[in-house]
C-alpha atoms as a PDB file:
ATOM      1  CA  MET A   1       4.266  16.169 -21.744  1.00  0.00           C
ATOM      2  CA  GLN A   2       6.088  12.701 -21.555  1.00  0.00           C
ATOM      3  CA  LEU A   3       6.460  10.663 -18.150  1.00  0.00           C
ATOM      4  CA  THR A   4       9.842   9.259 -18.338  1.00  0.00           C
ATOM      5  CA  SER A   5      10.549   8.095 -14.707  1.00  0.00           C
ATOM      6  CA  LEU A   6       8.526   8.189 -11.355  1.00  0.00           C
ATOM      7  CA  ALA A   7      11.374  10.683 -10.033  1.00  0.00           C
ATOM      8  CA  GLY A   8       9.859  12.903 -12.481  1.00  0.00           C
ATOM      9  CA  VAL A   9       6.321  12.338 -11.639  1.00  0.00           C
ATOM     10  CA  ALA A  10       7.240  13.239  -8.054  1.00  0.00           C
ATOM     11  CA  ALA A  11       8.725  16.379  -9.166  1.00  0.00           C
ATOM     12  CA  LEU A  12       5.645  17.717 -11.583  1.00  0.00           C
ATOM     13  CA  ASP A  13       5.613  21.474 -11.302  1.00  0.00           C
ATOM     14  CA  PHE A  14       1.870  21.969 -12.080  1.00  0.00           C
ATOM     15  CA  ASP A  15      -0.758  23.982 -10.259  1.00  0.00           C
ATOM     16  CA  THR A  16      -3.146  21.083 -10.457  1.00  0.00           C
ATOM     17  CA  ILE A  17      -2.750  17.527 -11.989  1.00  0.00           C
ATOM     18  CA  ILE A  18      -6.625  16.405 -13.485  1.00  0.00           C
ATOM     19  CA  ASP A  19      -7.826  12.974 -14.024  1.00  0.00           C
ATOM     20  CA  VAL A  20     -10.561  13.058 -16.275  1.00  0.00           C
ATOM     21  CA  ARG A  21     -11.498   9.575 -16.191  1.00  0.00           C
ATOM     22  CA  SER A  22     -14.460   8.113 -14.712  1.00  0.00           C
ATOM     23  CA  PRO A  23     -14.853   8.009 -10.728  1.00  0.00           C
ATOM     24  CA  SER A  24     -14.457   4.150 -10.741  1.00  0.00           C
ATOM     25  CA  GLU A  25     -10.995   4.365 -12.876  1.00  0.00           C
ATOM     26  CA  PHE A  26      -9.857   7.200 -10.564  1.00  0.00           C
ATOM     27  CA  ALA A  27     -10.683   5.314  -7.183  1.00  0.00           C
ATOM     28  CA  GLU A  28      -8.834   2.305  -8.651  1.00  0.00           C
ATOM     29  CA  ASP A  29      -5.517   4.266  -8.941  1.00  0.00           C
ATOM     30  CA  HIS A  30      -4.401   7.312 -10.396  1.00  0.00           C
ATOM     31  CA  ILE A  31      -1.143   9.790 -10.556  1.00  0.00           C
ATOM     32  CA  PRO A  32      -0.313  10.933  -7.063  1.00  0.00           C
ATOM     33  CA  GLY A  33      -1.658  14.130  -6.185  1.00  0.00           C
ATOM     34  CA  ALA A  34      -4.402  14.159  -8.913  1.00  0.00           C
ATOM     35  CA  ILE A  35      -8.026  15.378  -8.358  1.00  0.00           C
ATOM     36  CA  ASN A  36     -10.631  13.770 -10.425  1.00  0.00           C
ATOM     37  CA  LEU A  37     -12.764  15.912 -12.839  1.00  0.00           C
ATOM     38  CA  PRO A  38     -14.452  13.260 -15.086  1.00  0.00           C
ATOM     39  CA  VAL A  39     -15.749  14.368 -18.322  1.00  0.00           C
ATOM     40  CA  MET A  40     -18.020  11.358 -18.203  1.00  0.00           C
ATOM     41  CA  ASP A  41     -19.211   9.310 -15.045  1.00  0.00           C
ATOM     42  CA  ASP A  42     -19.343   5.694 -14.921  1.00  0.00           C
ATOM     43  CA  ALA A  43     -22.800   5.377 -16.484  1.00  0.00           C
ATOM     44  CA  GLU A  44     -22.074   8.051 -19.116  1.00  0.00           C
ATOM     45  CA  ARG A  45     -18.840   5.958 -20.113  1.00  0.00           C
ATOM     46  CA  ALA A  46     -20.801   3.011 -20.325  1.00  0.00           C
ATOM     47  CA  GLU A  47     -23.275   4.529 -22.613  1.00  0.00           C
ATOM     48  CA  VAL A  48     -21.431   5.839 -24.801  1.00  0.00           C
ATOM     49  CA  GLY A  49     -19.332   2.666 -25.378  1.00  0.00           C
ATOM     50  CA  THR A  50     -22.668   0.744 -25.880  1.00  0.00           C
ATOM     51  CA  ILE A  51     -23.400   3.383 -28.742  1.00  0.00           C
ATOM     52  CA  TYR A  52     -19.668   2.718 -30.242  1.00  0.00           C
ATOM     53  CA  LYS A  53     -20.352  -0.839 -30.441  1.00  0.00           C
ATOM     54  CA  GLN A  54     -24.015  -1.179 -31.235  1.00  0.00           C
ATOM     55  CA  VAL A  55     -24.958   1.511 -33.337  1.00  0.00           C
ATOM     56  CA  SER A  56     -21.942   3.692 -34.643  1.00  0.00           C
ATOM     57  CA  PRO A  57     -18.547   5.170 -33.940  1.00  0.00           C
ATOM     58  CA  PHE A  58     -19.790   8.432 -35.253  1.00  0.00           C
ATOM     59  CA  ASP A  59     -22.747   8.581 -33.113  1.00  0.00           C
ATOM     60  CA  ALA A  60     -20.744   7.428 -30.029  1.00  0.00           C
ATOM     61  CA  ARG A  61     -18.433  10.516 -30.730  1.00  0.00           C
ATOM     62  CA  LYS A  62     -21.258  12.856 -31.103  1.00  0.00           C
ATOM     63  CA  ILE A  63     -23.143  11.884 -27.963  1.00  0.00           C
ATOM     64  CA  GLY A  64     -19.739  11.719 -25.918  1.00  0.00           C
ATOM     65  CA  ALA A  65     -18.631  15.086 -27.003  1.00  0.00           C
ATOM     66  CA  ALA A  66     -22.064  16.484 -25.689  1.00  0.00           C
ATOM     67  CA  ILE A  67     -21.623  14.701 -22.513  1.00  0.00           C
ATOM     68  CA  VAL A  68     -18.141  16.097 -22.152  1.00  0.00           C
ATOM     69  CA  ALA A  69     -19.304  19.643 -23.051  1.00  0.00           C
ATOM     70  CA  SER A  70     -21.930  19.535 -20.321  1.00  0.00           C
ATOM     71  CA  ASN A  71     -19.528  18.164 -17.740  1.00  0.00           C
ATOM     72  CA  ALA A  72     -16.704  20.569 -18.718  1.00  0.00           C
ATOM     73  CA  ALA A  73     -19.106  23.113 -18.124  1.00  0.00           C
ATOM     74  CA  LYS A  74     -19.941  22.066 -14.657  1.00  0.00           C
ATOM     75  CA  HIS A  75     -16.424  21.545 -13.441  1.00  0.00           C
ATOM     76  CA  LEU A  76     -15.644  25.366 -15.025  1.00  0.00           C
ATOM     77  CA  ARG A  77     -18.775  26.637 -13.097  1.00  0.00           C
ATOM     78  CA  GLY A  78     -17.802  24.510 -10.138  1.00  0.00           C
ATOM     79  CA  PRO A  79     -13.857  23.706  -9.126  1.00  0.00           C
ATOM     80  CA  LEU A  80     -12.368  25.535 -11.638  1.00  0.00           C
ATOM     81  CA  ALA A  81     -14.370  29.002 -10.992  1.00  0.00           C
ATOM     82  CA  ASP A  82     -11.762  30.598  -8.960  1.00  0.00           C
ATOM     83  CA  LYS A  83      -8.787  29.754 -10.804  1.00  0.00           C
ATOM     84  CA  GLU A  84      -6.582  32.833 -12.119  1.00  0.00           C
ATOM     85  CA  GLY A  85      -5.116  33.561 -15.792  1.00  0.00           C
ATOM     86  CA  GLY A  86      -1.881  31.890 -14.948  1.00  0.00           C
ATOM     87  CA  TRP A  87      -3.037  28.717 -13.612  1.00  0.00           C
ATOM     88  CA  ARG A  88      -1.265  25.560 -15.063  1.00  0.00           C
ATOM     89  CA  PRO A  89      -3.140  22.378 -15.186  1.00  0.00           C
ATOM     90  CA  LEU A  90      -1.603  19.078 -16.287  1.00  0.00           C
ATOM     91  CA  VAL A  91      -4.507  16.693 -17.926  1.00  0.00           C
ATOM     92  CA  TYR A  92      -4.820  13.264 -18.375  1.00  0.00           C
ATOM     93  CA  CYS A  93      -7.315  10.204 -19.141  1.00  0.00           C
ATOM     94  CA  TRP A  94      -6.534   6.467 -19.893  1.00  0.00           C
ATOM     95  CA  ARG A  95      -4.476   6.869 -23.086  1.00  0.00           C
ATOM     96  CA  GLY A  96      -4.274  10.744 -23.306  1.00  0.00           C
ATOM     97  CA  GLY A  97      -6.932  10.344 -26.420  1.00  0.00           C
ATOM     98  CA  GLN A  98     -10.451  11.950 -26.652  1.00  0.00           C
ATOM     99  CA  ARG A  99     -11.476  12.701 -23.192  1.00  0.00           C
ATOM    100  CA  SER A 100      -8.388  14.286 -21.855  1.00  0.00           C
ATOM    101  CA  GLY A 101      -7.834  16.174 -25.281  1.00  0.00           C
ATOM    102  CA  SER A 102     -11.377  17.439 -25.638  1.00  0.00           C
ATOM    103  CA  PHE A 103     -11.285  18.992 -21.961  1.00  0.00           C
ATOM    104  CA  ALA A 104      -7.902  20.590 -22.523  1.00  0.00           C
ATOM    105  CA  THR A 105      -8.880  22.206 -25.778  1.00  0.00           C
ATOM    106  CA  ILE A 106     -11.820  23.888 -23.568  1.00  0.00           C
ATOM    107  CA  LEU A 107      -9.120  24.745 -20.901  1.00  0.00           C
ATOM    108  CA  LYS A 108      -6.537  26.090 -23.722  1.00  0.00           C
ATOM    109  CA  GLN A 109      -9.646  28.206 -25.244  1.00  0.00           C
ATOM    110  CA  ILE A 110     -10.067  29.932 -22.117  1.00  0.00           C
ATOM    111  CA  GLY A 111      -6.337  30.721 -22.031  1.00  0.00           C
ATOM    112  CA  TRP A 112      -4.844  28.393 -19.376  1.00  0.00           C
ATOM    113  CA  ARG A 113      -1.251  26.986 -20.095  1.00  0.00           C
ATOM    114  CA  VAL A 114      -2.698  23.440 -20.161  1.00  0.00           C
ATOM    115  CA  GLU A 115      -0.337  20.324 -21.036  1.00  0.00           C
ATOM    116  CA  LEU A 116      -1.288  16.729 -21.344  1.00  0.00           C
ATOM    117  CA  VAL A 117       0.144  13.536 -20.241  1.00  0.00           C
ATOM    118  CA  GLU A 118       1.492  11.802 -23.213  1.00  0.00           C
ATOM    119  CA  GLY A 119       0.024   7.941 -23.116  1.00  0.00           C
ATOM    120  CA  GLY A 120      -2.345   9.242 -20.181  1.00  0.00           C
ATOM    121  CA  TYR A 121      -2.825   7.045 -17.174  1.00  0.00           C
ATOM    122  CA  LYS A 122      -1.360   4.096 -18.861  1.00  0.00           C
ATOM    123  CA  ALA A 123       2.163   5.457 -19.607  1.00  0.00           C
ATOM    124  CA  PHE A 124       2.073   6.465 -15.729  1.00  0.00           C
ATOM    125  CA  ARG A 125       1.213   2.720 -15.042  1.00  0.00           C
ATOM    126  CA  ALA A 126       4.109   1.479 -17.214  1.00  0.00           C
ATOM    127  CA  LEU A 127       6.424   3.284 -14.879  1.00  0.00           C
ATOM    128  CA  VAL A 128       4.742   1.734 -11.850  1.00  0.00           C
ATOM    129  CA  VAL A 129       5.204  -1.797 -13.049  1.00  0.00           C
ATOM    130  CA  GLU A 130       8.809  -1.332 -14.435  1.00  0.00           C
ATOM    131  CA  ALA A 131       9.664   0.033 -11.062  1.00  0.00           C
ATOM    132  CA  GLY A 132       7.734  -2.864  -9.153  1.00  0.00           C
ATOM    133  CA  ASN A 133       9.812  -5.481 -11.257  1.00  0.00           C
ATOM    134  CA  ALA A 134      13.307  -3.927 -10.678  1.00  0.00           C
ATOM    135  CA  PRO A 135      15.776  -4.521  -8.028  1.00  0.00           C
ATOM    136  CA  MET A 136      15.681  -2.257  -5.046  1.00  0.00           C
ATOM    137  CA  PRO A 137      17.619   0.756  -5.294  1.00  0.00           C
ATOM    138  CA  CYS A 138      19.487   0.562  -2.089  1.00  0.00           C
ATOM    139  CA  PRO A 139      20.786  -2.181   0.120  1.00  0.00           C
ATOM    140  CA  VAL A 140      17.907  -3.932   2.107  1.00  0.00           C
ATOM    141  CA  VAL A 141      17.453  -5.002   5.741  1.00  0.00           C
ATOM    142  CA  VAL A 142      14.815  -7.307   6.598  1.00  0.00           C
ATOM    143  CA  LEU A 143      13.167  -7.177  10.528  1.00  0.00           C
ATOM    144  CA  ASP A 144      11.855 -10.588  11.304  1.00  0.00           C
ATOM    145  CA  GLY A 145      10.657 -12.039  14.088  1.00  0.00           C
ATOM    146  CA  ASN A 146       7.363 -14.483  15.093  1.00  0.00           C
ATOM    147  CA  THR A 147       4.142 -12.961  15.608  1.00  0.00           C
ATOM    148  CA  GLY A 148       3.821 -10.485  18.318  1.00  0.00           C
ATOM    149  CA  THR A 149       7.310  -9.059  18.392  1.00  0.00           C
ATOM    150  CA  ALA A 150       6.279  -5.777  17.694  1.00  0.00           C
ATOM    151  CA  LYS A 151       8.123  -5.453  14.574  1.00  0.00           C
ATOM    152  CA  THR A 152       5.753  -2.899  12.830  1.00  0.00           C
ATOM    153  CA  ASP A 153       6.000  -0.390  16.073  1.00  0.00           C
ATOM    154  CA  ILE A 154       9.861  -1.011  16.072  1.00  0.00           C
ATOM    155  CA  LEU A 155      10.182   0.116  12.435  1.00  0.00           C
ATOM    156  CA  LYS A 156       7.915   3.328  13.068  1.00  0.00           C
ATOM    157  CA  ALA A 157      10.188   4.141  15.779  1.00  0.00           C
ATOM    158  CA  ALA A 158      13.112   3.386  13.990  1.00  0.00           C
ATOM    159  CA  LYS A 159      11.664   5.783  11.185  1.00  0.00           C
ATOM    160  CA  ARG A 160      11.159   8.479  13.789  1.00  0.00           C
ATOM    161  CA  GLN A 161      14.930   8.046  14.808  1.00  0.00           C
ATOM    162  CA  GLY A 162      16.029   8.801  11.237  1.00  0.00           C
ATOM    163  CA  ALA A 163      16.358   5.403   9.550  1.00  0.00           C
ATOM    164  CA  GLN A 164      15.014   4.456   6.064  1.00  0.00           C
ATOM    165  CA  VAL A 165      11.892   2.456   6.421  1.00  0.00           C
ATOM    166  CA  ILE A 166       9.112   1.624   4.115  1.00  0.00           C
ATOM    167  CA  ASP A 167       5.894   0.239   6.307  1.00  0.00           C
ATOM    168  CA  LEU A 168       4.690  -2.374   3.795  1.00  0.00           C
ATOM    169  CA  GLU A 169       1.889  -3.299   6.356  1.00  0.00           C
ATOM    170  CA  GLY A 170       0.675   0.836   6.587  1.00  0.00           C
ATOM    171  CA  LEU A 171       0.705   0.842   2.688  1.00  0.00           C
ATOM    172  CA  ALA A 172      -1.377  -2.457   2.633  1.00  0.00           C
ATOM    173  CA  ASN A 173      -3.690  -1.255   5.533  1.00  0.00           C
ATOM    174  CA  HIS A 174      -3.320  -4.890   6.939  1.00  0.00           C
ATOM    175  CA  ARG A 175      -1.245  -6.596   9.683  1.00  0.00           C
ATOM    176  CA  GLY A 176      -0.156  -9.409   7.407  1.00  0.00           C
ATOM    177  CA  SER A 177      -2.341 -12.211   9.060  1.00  0.00           C
ATOM    178  CA  LEU A 178      -5.426 -13.856   9.618  1.00  0.00           C
ATOM    179  CA  PHE A 179      -6.288 -11.514  12.393  1.00  0.00           C
ATOM    180  CA  GLY A 180      -4.993  -8.496  10.266  1.00  0.00           C
ATOM    181  CA  ALA A 181      -7.644  -6.708   8.763  1.00  0.00           C
ATOM    182  CA  MET A 182      -7.950  -3.072   9.677  1.00  0.00           C
ATOM    183  CA  GLU A 183     -10.461  -0.073   9.419  1.00  0.00           C
ATOM    184  CA  GLY A 184     -11.178   1.250   5.987  1.00  0.00           C
ATOM    185  CA  GLY A 185     -10.337  -2.012   4.047  1.00  0.00           C
ATOM    186  CA  GLN A 186      -7.557  -2.317   1.501  1.00  0.00           C
ATOM    187  CA  SER A 187      -7.024  -0.217  -1.567  1.00  0.00           C
ATOM    188  CA  SER A 188      -6.671  -1.843  -5.077  1.00  0.00           C
ATOM    189  CA  GLN A 189      -3.612  -3.717  -6.058  1.00  0.00           C
ATOM    190  CA  LYS A 190      -2.715  -0.893  -8.625  1.00  0.00           C
ATOM    191  CA  ASP A 191      -3.027   1.734  -5.731  1.00  0.00           C
ATOM    192  CA  PHE A 192      -0.910  -0.416  -3.459  1.00  0.00           C
ATOM    193  CA  GLU A 193       1.682  -0.845  -6.184  1.00  0.00           C
ATOM    194  CA  THR A 194       1.679   2.934  -7.043  1.00  0.00           C
ATOM    195  CA  ARG A 195       2.220   4.176  -3.556  1.00  0.00           C
ATOM    196  CA  LEU A 196       4.603   1.556  -2.882  1.00  0.00           C
ATOM    197  CA  ALA A 197       6.696   2.531  -6.018  1.00  0.00           C
ATOM    198  CA  MET A 198       6.814   6.353  -5.027  1.00  0.00           C
ATOM    199  CA  GLU A 199       8.090   5.386  -1.651  1.00  0.00           C
ATOM    200  CA  VAL A 200      10.615   3.206  -3.197  1.00  0.00           C
ATOM    201  CA  THR A 201      11.717   5.929  -5.758  1.00  0.00           C
ATOM    202  CA  ALA A 202      12.217   8.282  -3.163  1.00  0.00           C
ATOM    203  CA  LEU A 203      14.983   6.147  -1.053  1.00  0.00           C
ATOM    204  CA  ASP A 204      18.539   7.173  -0.741  1.00  0.00           C
ATOM    205  CA  PRO A 205      20.535   4.723  -2.512  1.00  0.00           C
ATOM    206  CA  SER A 206      23.499   5.173  -0.058  1.00  0.00           C
ATOM    207  CA  ARG A 207      21.477   4.094   2.821  1.00  0.00           C
ATOM    208  CA  PRO A 208      20.188   0.861   3.875  1.00  0.00           C
ATOM    209  CA  VAL A 209      16.299   0.603   4.064  1.00  0.00           C
ATOM    210  CA  LEU A 210      14.375  -1.551   6.645  1.00  0.00           C
ATOM    211  CA  LEU A 211      11.327  -3.824   5.502  1.00  0.00           C
ATOM    212  CA  GLU A 212       9.483  -5.933   7.622  1.00  0.00           C
ATOM    213  CA  ALA A 213       9.417  -9.622   6.938  1.00  0.00           C
ATOM    214  CA  GLU A 214       6.273 -10.435   4.982  1.00  0.00           C
ATOM    215  CA  SER A 215       4.927 -12.888   3.070  1.00  0.00           C
ATOM    216  CA  SER A 216       4.395 -12.624  -0.808  1.00  0.00           C
ATOM    217  CA  LYS A 217       0.873 -11.416  -0.044  1.00  0.00           C
ATOM    218  CA  ILE A 218      -0.143  -8.702   2.530  1.00  0.00           C
ATOM    219  CA  GLY A 219      -3.998  -9.819   2.912  1.00  0.00           C
ATOM    220  CA  ASP A 220      -5.380  -9.673  -0.515  1.00  0.00           C
ATOM    221  CA  LEU A 221      -2.184  -7.389  -1.956  1.00  0.00           C
ATOM    222  CA  GLN A 222       0.579  -8.993  -3.557  1.00  0.00           C
ATOM    223  CA  LEU A 223       3.770  -7.657  -3.292  1.00  0.00           C
ATOM    224  CA  PRO A 224       5.488  -6.506  -6.381  1.00  0.00           C
ATOM    225  CA  LYS A 225       8.400  -8.780  -7.725  1.00  0.00           C
ATOM    226  CA  GLY A 226      11.129  -6.405  -7.063  1.00  0.00           C
ATOM    227  CA  ILE A 227      10.212  -5.829  -3.460  1.00  0.00           C
ATOM    228  CA  TRP A 228       9.349  -9.669  -2.659  1.00  0.00           C
ATOM    229  CA  THR A 229      12.659 -10.838  -4.046  1.00  0.00           C
ATOM    230  CA  ALA A 230      14.827  -8.335  -1.613  1.00  0.00           C
ATOM    231  CA  ILE A 231      12.599  -9.504   1.241  1.00  0.00           C
ATOM    232  CA  LYS A 232      13.803 -13.067   0.383  1.00  0.00           C
ATOM    233  CA  ASP A 233      17.265 -12.417  -0.488  1.00  0.00           C
ATOM    234  CA  ALA A 234      18.033  -9.698   2.272  1.00  0.00           C
ATOM    235  CA  PRO A 235      20.058 -10.065   5.452  1.00  0.00           C
ATOM    236  CA  ARG A 236      17.562 -10.173   8.569  1.00  0.00           C
ATOM    237  CA  ILE A 237      17.593  -8.827  12.173  1.00  0.00           C
ATOM    238  CA  ARG A 238      15.182 -11.142  14.387  1.00  0.00           C
ATOM    239  CA  VAL A 239      13.496 -10.252  17.227  1.00  0.00           C
ATOM    240  CA  LYS A 240      13.107 -12.569  19.786  1.00  0.00           C
ATOM    241  CA  ALA A 241      11.025 -12.020  23.126  1.00  0.00           C
ATOM    242  CA  PRO A 242       9.382 -14.321  25.945  1.00  0.00           C
ATOM    243  CA  LEU A 243       5.891 -15.607  25.222  1.00  0.00           C
ATOM    244  CA  ALA A 244       4.194 -13.539  27.607  1.00  0.00           C
ATOM    245  CA  GLU A 245       5.395 -10.301  26.555  1.00  0.00           C
ATOM    246  CA  ARG A 246       4.261 -11.125  23.035  1.00  0.00           C
ATOM    247  CA  ALA A 247       1.138 -12.121  24.271  1.00  0.00           C
ATOM    248  CA  ALA A 248       0.786  -8.989  26.252  1.00  0.00           C
ATOM    249  CA  TYR A 249       1.718  -6.905  23.068  1.00  0.00           C
ATOM    250  CA  LEU A 250      -0.843  -8.579  20.666  1.00  0.00           C
ATOM    251  CA  ALA A 251      -3.475  -7.952  23.073  1.00  0.00           C
ATOM    252  CA  ARG A 252      -2.932  -4.423  23.206  1.00  0.00           C
ATOM    253  CA  ALA A 253      -2.121  -4.066  19.312  1.00  0.00           C
ATOM    254  CA  TYR A 254      -5.338  -5.783  18.291  1.00  0.00           C
ATOM    255  CA  ALA A 255      -7.496  -4.038  20.614  1.00  0.00           C
ATOM    256  CA  ASP A 256      -9.593  -3.518  17.991  1.00  0.00           C
ATOM    257  CA  ILE A 257     -10.745  -7.286  17.065  1.00  0.00           C
ATOM    258  CA  THR A 258     -11.318  -8.172  21.101  1.00  0.00           C
ATOM    259  CA  ALA A 259     -13.555  -5.231  20.853  1.00  0.00           C
ATOM    260  CA  ASP A 260     -15.586  -6.958  18.468  1.00  0.00           C
ATOM    261  CA  PRO A 261     -16.389 -10.523  19.883  1.00  0.00           C
ATOM    262  CA  GLU A 262     -18.096 -11.865  16.705  1.00  0.00           C
ATOM    263  CA  ARG A 263     -15.378 -10.719  14.497  1.00  0.00           C
ATOM    264  CA  LEU A 264     -12.837 -12.655  16.956  1.00  0.00           C
ATOM    265  CA  LEU A 265     -14.728 -16.013  16.880  1.00  0.00           C
ATOM    266  CA  SER A 266     -15.151 -15.936  13.241  1.00  0.00           C
ATOM    267  CA  VAL A 267     -11.652 -15.439  12.786  1.00  0.00           C
ATOM    268  CA  ILE A 268     -10.922 -18.187  15.101  1.00  0.00           C
ATOM    269  CA  ASP A 269     -13.067 -20.184  13.070  1.00  0.00           C
ATOM    270  CA  GLN A 270     -11.248 -20.006   9.944  1.00  0.00           C
ATOM    271  CA  LEU A 271      -8.372 -21.816  11.699  1.00  0.00           C
ATOM    272  CA  ARG A 272     -10.426 -25.132  11.616  1.00  0.00           C
ATOM    273  CA  PRO A 273      -8.824 -26.705   8.510  1.00  0.00           C
ATOM    274  CA  PHE A 274      -5.336 -26.125  10.663  1.00  0.00           C
ATOM    275  CA  GLN A 275      -6.179 -26.961  14.330  1.00  0.00           C
ATOM    276  CA  PRO A 276      -8.047 -29.924  16.110  1.00  0.00           C
ATOM    277  CA  ALA A 277     -11.720 -29.334  17.133  1.00  0.00           C
ATOM    278  CA  GLU A 278     -11.118 -29.213  20.396  1.00  0.00           C
ATOM    279  CA  ARG A 279      -8.311 -26.657  20.383  1.00  0.00           C
ATOM    280  CA  ILE A 280     -10.422 -24.214  18.232  1.00  0.00           C
ATOM    281  CA  ALA A 281     -13.167 -24.803  21.082  1.00  0.00           C
ATOM    282  CA  GLN A 282     -10.921 -23.766  23.668  1.00  0.00           C
ATOM    283  CA  TRP A 283      -9.728 -20.525  22.074  1.00  0.00           C
ATOM    284  CA  GLN A 284     -13.456 -19.580  21.670  1.00  0.00           C
ATOM    285  CA  GLU A 285     -14.144 -20.059  24.984  1.00  0.00           C
ATOM    286  CA  GLN A 286     -11.014 -17.918  25.980  1.00  0.00           C
ATOM    287  CA  ALA A 287     -12.123 -15.059  23.611  1.00  0.00           C
ATOM    288  CA  ALA A 288     -16.031 -15.201  25.083  1.00  0.00           C
ATOM    289  CA  ALA A 289     -14.359 -15.184  28.549  1.00  0.00           C
ATOM    290  CA  GLY A 290     -11.848 -12.042  27.813  1.00  0.00           C
ATOM    291  CA  GLU A 291      -8.862 -13.793  28.202  1.00  0.00           C
ATOM    292  CA  TYR A 292      -7.143 -12.090  25.329  1.00  0.00           C
ATOM    293  CA  ALA A 293      -3.728 -12.563  26.466  1.00  0.00           C
ATOM    294  CA  ALA A 294      -3.925 -16.134  27.303  1.00  0.00           C
ATOM    295  CA  LEU A 295      -5.621 -16.660  23.732  1.00  0.00           C
ATOM    296  CA  ALA A 296      -2.778 -14.866  22.102  1.00  0.00           C
ATOM    297  CA  GLY A 297      -0.049 -16.915  23.772  1.00  0.00           C
ATOM    298  CA  GLU A 298      -1.800 -20.230  22.576  1.00  0.00           C
ATOM    299  CA  LEU A 299      -2.244 -19.040  19.215  1.00  0.00           C
ATOM    300  CA  MET A 300       1.329 -18.460  18.860  1.00  0.00           C
ATOM    301  CA  ARG A 301       2.641 -21.271  20.406  1.00  0.00           C
ATOM    302  CA  ASP A 302       0.416 -23.802  18.808  1.00  0.00           C
ATOM    303  CA  HIS A 303      -0.255 -21.950  15.172  1.00  0.00           C
ATOM    304  CA  TYR A 304       1.897 -19.225  14.173  1.00  0.00           C
ATOM    305  CA  ASP A 305       5.216 -20.073  15.869  1.00  0.00           C
ATOM    306  CA  PRO A 306       5.543 -23.480  14.342  1.00  0.00           C
ATOM    307  CA  ARG A 307       4.806 -21.831  10.801  1.00  0.00           C
ATOM    308  CA  TYR A 308       7.310 -19.343  11.201  1.00  0.00           C
ATOM    309  CA  GLU A 309      10.162 -21.497  11.983  1.00  0.00           C
ATOM    310  CA  LYS A 310       9.346 -23.826   9.101  1.00  0.00           C
ATOM    311  CA  HIS A 311       9.589 -20.705   6.736  1.00  0.00           C
ATOM    312  CA  ARG A 312      12.409 -19.528   8.600  1.00  0.00           C
ATOM    313  CA  ALA A 313      14.316 -22.832   8.020  1.00  0.00           C
ATOM    314  CA  ARG A 314      13.782 -22.550   4.477  1.00  0.00           C
ATOM    315  CA  HIS A 315      14.636 -19.016   3.733  1.00  0.00           C
ATOM    316  CA  VAL A 316      16.678 -17.004   6.250  1.00  0.00           C
ATOM    317  CA  GLU A 317      20.387 -17.815   5.325  1.00  0.00           C
ATOM    318  CA  GLN A 318      22.055 -14.328   7.305  1.00  0.00           C
ATOM    319  CA  GLU A 319      20.435 -13.245  10.596  1.00  0.00           C
ATOM    320  CA  ARG A 320      21.294 -11.335  13.754  1.00  0.00           C
ATOM    321  CA  VAL A 321      19.348 -11.699  16.933  1.00  0.00           C
ATOM    322  CA  ILE A 322      17.947  -9.124  19.128  1.00  0.00           C
ATOM    323  CA  GLU A 323      16.662 -10.308  22.496  1.00  0.00           C
ATOM    324  CA  ALA A 324      14.143  -8.260  23.809  1.00  0.00           C
ATOM    325  CA  GLU A 325      13.164  -8.542  27.613  1.00  0.00           C
ATOM    326  CA  SER A 326      10.210  -6.038  27.319  1.00  0.00           C
ATOM    327  CA  LEU A 327       7.690  -5.264  24.568  1.00  0.00           C
ATOM    328  CA  ALA A 328       6.103  -2.396  26.653  1.00  0.00           C
ATOM    329  CA  PRO A 329       5.543   0.860  24.743  1.00  0.00           C
ATOM    330  CA  GLU A 330       8.649   2.354  26.687  1.00  0.00           C
ATOM    331  CA  ALA A 331      10.925  -0.392  25.385  1.00  0.00           C
ATOM    332  CA  ILE A 332      10.437   0.227  21.548  1.00  0.00           C
ATOM    333  CA  GLY A 333      12.641   3.315  21.319  1.00  0.00           C
ATOM    334  CA  GLY A 334      15.567   1.499  22.714  1.00  0.00           C
ATOM    335  CA  LEU A 335      14.910  -1.785  20.205  1.00  0.00           C
ATOM    336  CA  ALA A 336      14.659   0.510  17.576  1.00  0.00           C
ATOM    337  CA  GLU A 337      18.090   2.182  18.185  1.00  0.00           C
ATOM    338  CA  ARG A 338      19.404  -1.504  18.430  1.00  0.00           C
ATOM    339  CA  VAL A 339      17.917  -2.894  14.930  1.00  0.00           C
ATOM    340  CA  ILE A 340      19.584   0.769  13.443  1.00  0.00           C
ATOM    341  CA  ALA A 341      22.703  -0.194  14.492  1.00  0.00           C
ATOM    342  CA  GLU A 342      22.560  -3.933  13.546  1.00  0.00           C
ATOM    343  CA  ALA A 343      21.313  -2.742  10.105  1.00  0.00           C
ATOM    344  CA  LYS A 344      24.406  -0.664   9.641  1.00  0.00           C
ATOM    345  CA  ALA A 345      26.616  -3.467  10.844  1.00  0.00           C
ATOM    346  CA  LEU A 346      24.873  -6.181   8.356  1.00  0.00           C
ATOM    347  CA  ILE A 347      25.419  -3.693   5.535  1.00  0.00           C
ATOM    348  CA  SER A 348      28.959  -2.667   6.052  1.00  0.00           C
ATOM    349  CA  GLN A 349      30.220  -6.224   6.729  1.00  0.00           C
ATOM    350  CA  PRO A 350      31.955  -7.888   3.704  1.00  0.00           C
END
C-alpha cells in the first residue's frame, strides 16, 4: 500500500504494523504503532553489507536470505505464534525492498493477508519532513514569559480544560534551558519530528493551538521549520509574575536537579563564559547551602531575564500580558482559563 498523508498513517487499519529493519534503525525512528521484528539484527546487516561490497552481491543475497529465513522462523515461533488465520499485518523496511519483501512472502505463504508499504520507511519519512516544513494548519498563539512563569504547567492545565495544545518540551523531554535535561534523555531528531508531526496532523484547523515560546532548539533537538516559523510569527500571551513567585516555582519544578548536588554545581559551572567568576562562586555557595529559591531568583535576575528581554525586543510585535500574583499549584488552573480567553480574543481580532 502507498502512504499518501500522515492523516492516512494515523488511520491505518491493520492488526499489526511490523518494522523488519534492524533494532538500531527502529530505535532511531519508526512508523507510529509499529513493532520491531528484525529479519537482520545490526551485526547481521553489517556482515551482509560487507560481503556485498568485498565479495559479491550474489554471495550477500544468499547469506542474507539464510539470515532472513532463520529470523523469520524465530518470529513465527515467538511473537507471531498465536496469530489466527484472519490476522492482517502491514510490513515495511527501509525502502520496501528485499527485507520486507522476503518476510512478507513467508507470511503470505502461510495464508495471512499481508501488505507492504510502498517505499518503506523512507516514504513515511518524506511525509514527516514535508509536514515539518509546511505552515501550521491552524492559528497559533504562543505562551511567553520569562523563566519560571510556569508556562508548561499552564499549558497542561489549558489542555485539561479543553484547549488545543502541543507540549513541545514534553515531546522533546527537555525543559528548554541549560538546567532543562530530564530523566530518560532525549530521543533522536527523527523520532522527535515524527511524534511532533503526528500531533500537528491531528490538530483541528478551526481552533487555535497554544505553543510555548521556545528557541529554535529544545536541548539538542531542532524544531522543524514550520513550527519555528509559526512561533516567531504568532501573537503572544505573556505571563508576568513577581520574582519571588517565580523563584519559588522553579525550586519546586526543578526538584530533580536540586536533589543531585553534583549535577547542579556542574550546570552552574557551565555559565562561566557568561558571568563573572565571583557571581558563579556565589551561586555555587547557595547551591551547596540548599538555598534554592534564592539561587533561582538570582539566576533569573542576572542571567535569564536580560537574555529574554533582549530576544523579546527583537521578535515580539503582538502581545497581551497576564499578570500573575501567584504561581502556586492552586493558581495554575485560573491562569490557564485566562490564557484560553486571551487566545480566543487574539485570534478573533481583525
